[in-house]
Amino acid sequence: VHITQGDRDGRAVMVSWVTASEPGSSTVLYGTAEHKRKFKAEGRVTYYKFYNYTSGFIHHCTLRHLQ
């Protein structure tokens, strides 16, 4: 998992991860505590090919309006 700043105001983060064999979901559940995940963000998935190489499935999801 890789986390980067997601906007100029510092109220969003972008979460990225790779899955090897199948795309799966790009949904992230989050909240203010472990058992209070009341927010959901839908991400996107992509992959790339370079000659004979095919990457894993690369997921990016931006969590916005953070406190």
N, C-alpha and C. Protein backbone atom coordinates (compact mmCIF):
# COMPACT_ATOMS: atom_id res chain seq x y z
N VAL A 1 0.85 -1.18 0.00
CA VAL A 1 0.00 0.00 0.00
C VAL A 1 0.89 1.23 0.00
N HIS A 2 0.51 2.20 -0.80
CA HIS A 2 1.23 3.47 -0.90
C HIS A 2 0.22 4.59 -0.66
N ILE A 3 0.55 5.54 0.20
CA ILE A 3 -0.35 6.65 0.52
C ILE A 3 0.35 7.96 0.19
N THR A 4 -0.32 8.82 -0.58
CA THR A 4 0.23 10.13 -0.94
C THR A 4 -0.82 11.21 -0.69
N GLN A 5 -0.36 12.45 -0.62
CA GLN A 5 -1.30 13.57 -0.47
C GLN A 5 -2.17 13.64 -1.71
N GLY A 6 -3.48 13.81 -1.50
CA GLY A 6 -4.42 13.74 -2.61
C GLY A 6 -4.93 15.06 -3.13
N ASP A 7 -4.66 16.17 -2.43
CA ASP A 7 -5.08 17.48 -2.93
C ASP A 7 -4.17 18.57 -2.36
N ARG A 8 -4.36 19.78 -2.82
CA ARG A 8 -3.50 20.90 -2.39
C ARG A 8 -3.82 21.38 -0.98
N ASP A 9 -5.04 21.14 -0.51
CA ASP A 9 -5.46 21.63 0.81
C ASP A 9 -5.09 20.68 1.95
N GLY A 10 -4.62 19.49 1.63
CA GLY A 10 -4.26 18.54 2.68
C GLY A 10 -5.46 17.86 3.31
N ARG A 11 -6.59 17.83 2.60
CA ARG A 11 -7.80 17.19 3.15
C ARG A 11 -8.17 15.93 2.37
N ALA A 12 -7.20 15.39 1.63
CA ALA A 12 -7.44 14.15 0.88
C ALA A 12 -6.12 13.38 0.80
N VAL A 13 -6.25 12.07 0.70
CA VAL A 13 -5.08 11.22 0.46
C VAL A 13 -5.44 10.24 -0.66
N MET A 14 -4.42 9.84 -1.41
CA MET A 14 -4.60 8.83 -2.44
C MET A 14 -3.95 7.54 -1.94
N VAL A 15 -4.72 6.47 -1.96
CA VAL A 15 -4.24 5.16 -1.54
C VAL A 15 -4.07 4.33 -2.80
N SER A 16 -2.92 3.69 -2.95
CA SER A 16 -2.64 2.86 -4.12
C SER A 16 -2.15 1.50 -3.67
N TRP A 17 -2.52 0.47 -4.42
CA TRP A 17 -2.06 -0.89 -4.13
C TRP A 17 -2.15 -1.72 -5.40
N VAL A 18 -1.48 -2.87 -5.38
CA VAL A 18 -1.44 -3.76 -6.54
C VAL A 18 -1.96 -5.13 -6.14
N THR A 19 -2.81 -5.70 -7.00
CA THR A 19 -3.23 -7.09 -6.84
C THR A 19 -2.66 -7.87 -8.03
N ALA A 20 -2.20 -9.07 -7.78
CA ALA A 20 -1.46 -9.80 -8.81
C ALA A 20 -2.33 -10.55 -9.80
N SER A 21 -3.33 -11.28 -9.34
CA SER A 21 -3.99 -12.22 -10.23
C SER A 21 -5.35 -11.78 -10.76
N GLU A 22 -6.05 -10.91 -10.07
CA GLU A 22 -7.35 -10.44 -10.55
C GLU A 22 -7.60 -9.03 -10.03
N PRO A 23 -8.40 -8.23 -10.76
CA PRO A 23 -8.57 -6.84 -10.37
C PRO A 23 -9.25 -6.64 -9.02
N GLY A 24 -10.28 -7.41 -8.71
CA GLY A 24 -10.97 -7.24 -7.43
C GLY A 24 -11.60 -5.86 -7.32
N SER A 25 -11.86 -5.44 -6.11
CA SER A 25 -12.53 -4.17 -5.84
C SER A 25 -11.52 -3.05 -5.62
N SER A 26 -11.91 -1.84 -6.02
CA SER A 26 -11.10 -0.65 -5.74
C SER A 26 -11.81 0.25 -4.74
N THR A 27 -12.65 -0.33 -3.91
CA THR A 27 -13.40 0.41 -2.90
C THR A 27 -12.63 0.43 -1.59
N VAL A 28 -12.58 1.61 -0.96
CA VAL A 28 -11.93 1.76 0.34
C VAL A 28 -12.98 2.25 1.33
N LEU A 29 -13.12 1.54 2.45
CA LEU A 29 -13.99 1.97 3.55
C LEU A 29 -13.11 2.64 4.59
N TYR A 30 -13.55 3.80 5.10
CA TYR A 30 -12.74 4.51 6.09
C TYR A 30 -13.62 5.30 7.04
N GLY A 31 -13.03 5.69 8.16
CA GLY A 31 -13.77 6.45 9.16
C GLY A 31 -12.83 6.95 10.25
N THR A 32 -13.42 7.38 11.35
CA THR A 32 -12.64 7.98 12.44
C THR A 32 -12.11 6.95 13.42
N ALA A 33 -12.58 5.71 13.36
CA ALA A 33 -12.11 4.63 14.23
C ALA A 33 -12.30 3.31 13.49
N GLU A 34 -11.63 2.28 13.96
CA GLU A 34 -11.67 0.99 13.27
C GLU A 34 -13.09 0.46 13.07
N HIS A 35 -13.94 0.62 14.05
CA HIS A 35 -15.30 0.09 13.96
C HIS A 35 -16.31 1.14 13.52
N LYS A 36 -15.83 2.29 13.07
CA LYS A 36 -16.72 3.36 12.61
C LYS A 36 -16.36 3.77 11.19
N ARG A 37 -16.28 2.81 10.30
CA ARG A 37 -15.96 3.08 8.90
C ARG A 37 -17.24 3.43 8.15
N LYS A 38 -17.66 4.68 8.26
CA LYS A 38 -18.93 5.06 7.66
C LYS A 38 -18.77 5.76 6.31
N PHE A 39 -17.54 5.89 5.82
CA PHE A 39 -17.31 6.52 4.52
C PHE A 39 -16.80 5.48 3.53
N LYS A 40 -17.12 5.69 2.27
CA LYS A 40 -16.70 4.76 1.22
C LYS A 40 -16.23 5.57 0.02
N ALA A 41 -15.10 5.19 -0.54
CA ALA A 41 -14.58 5.84 -1.75
C ALA A 41 -14.36 4.78 -2.83
N GLU A 42 -14.83 5.09 -4.02
CA GLU A 42 -14.65 4.20 -5.16
C GLU A 42 -13.42 4.65 -5.94
N GLY A 43 -12.53 3.72 -6.20
CA GLY A 43 -11.32 4.04 -6.95
C GLY A 43 -11.39 3.52 -8.37
N ARG A 44 -10.22 3.42 -8.97
CA ARG A 44 -10.13 2.89 -10.33
C ARG A 44 -8.98 1.89 -10.37
N VAL A 45 -9.01 1.04 -11.37
CA VAL A 45 -7.97 0.04 -11.53
C VAL A 45 -7.43 0.10 -12.95
N THR A 46 -6.14 -0.10 -13.09
CA THR A 46 -5.51 -0.08 -14.40
C THR A 46 -4.37 -1.09 -14.41
N TYR A 47 -3.78 -1.31 -15.56
CA TYR A 47 -2.58 -2.13 -15.68
C TYR A 47 -1.85 -1.66 -16.93
N TYR A 48 -0.63 -2.11 -17.11
CA TYR A 48 0.09 -1.73 -18.31
C TYR A 48 0.89 -2.92 -18.84
N LYS A 49 1.22 -2.82 -20.11
CA LYS A 49 2.05 -3.83 -20.77
C LYS A 49 3.28 -3.15 -21.35
N PHE A 50 4.41 -3.81 -21.23
CA PHE A 50 5.66 -3.32 -21.79
C PHE A 50 6.40 -4.51 -22.36
N TYR A 51 6.45 -4.59 -23.67
CA TYR A 51 7.00 -5.75 -24.37
C TYR A 51 6.30 -7.01 -23.87
N ASN A 52 7.03 -7.94 -23.27
CA ASN A 52 6.44 -9.19 -22.79
C ASN A 52 5.95 -9.12 -21.35
N TYR A 53 6.09 -7.97 -20.72
CA TYR A 53 5.71 -7.82 -19.31
C TYR A 53 4.30 -7.24 -19.20
N THR A 54 3.50 -7.80 -18.32
CA THR A 54 2.20 -7.24 -17.96
C THR A 54 2.19 -7.01 -16.46
N SER A 55 1.89 -5.79 -16.06
CA SER A 55 1.89 -5.46 -14.63
C SER A 55 0.74 -6.15 -13.92
N GLY A 56 0.77 -6.07 -12.60
CA GLY A 56 -0.39 -6.47 -11.82
C GLY A 56 -1.48 -5.41 -11.97
N PHE A 57 -2.59 -5.61 -11.31
CA PHE A 57 -3.69 -4.65 -11.36
C PHE A 57 -3.41 -3.55 -10.34
N ILE A 58 -3.28 -2.32 -10.83
CA ILE A 58 -2.89 -1.17 -10.01
C ILE A 58 -4.14 -0.39 -9.64
N HIS A 59 -4.40 -0.28 -8.35
CA HIS A 59 -5.59 0.40 -7.84
C HIS A 59 -5.21 1.77 -7.28
N HIS A 60 -6.04 2.78 -7.56
CA HIS A 60 -5.87 4.12 -7.00
C HIS A 60 -7.23 4.58 -6.48
N CYS A 61 -7.25 5.05 -5.25
CA CYS A 61 -8.50 5.53 -4.66
C CYS A 61 -8.21 6.78 -3.85
N THR A 62 -8.95 7.86 -4.10
CA THR A 62 -8.76 9.11 -3.38
C THR A 62 -9.81 9.25 -2.29
N LEU A 63 -9.34 9.44 -1.06
CA LEU A 63 -10.22 9.67 0.09
C LEU A 63 -10.28 11.17 0.31
N ARG A 64 -11.46 11.75 0.16
CA ARG A 64 -11.62 13.21 0.20
C ARG A 64 -12.32 13.68 1.47
N HIS A 65 -12.27 14.98 1.69
CA HIS A 65 -12.97 15.66 2.79
C HIS A 65 -12.54 15.12 4.16
N LEU A 66 -11.24 14.89 4.31
CA LEU A 66 -10.72 14.40 5.58
C LEU A 66 -10.64 15.53 6.60
N GLN A 67 -10.66 15.16 7.84
CA GLN A 67 -10.57 16.16 8.92
C GLN A 67 -9.16 16.21 9.46
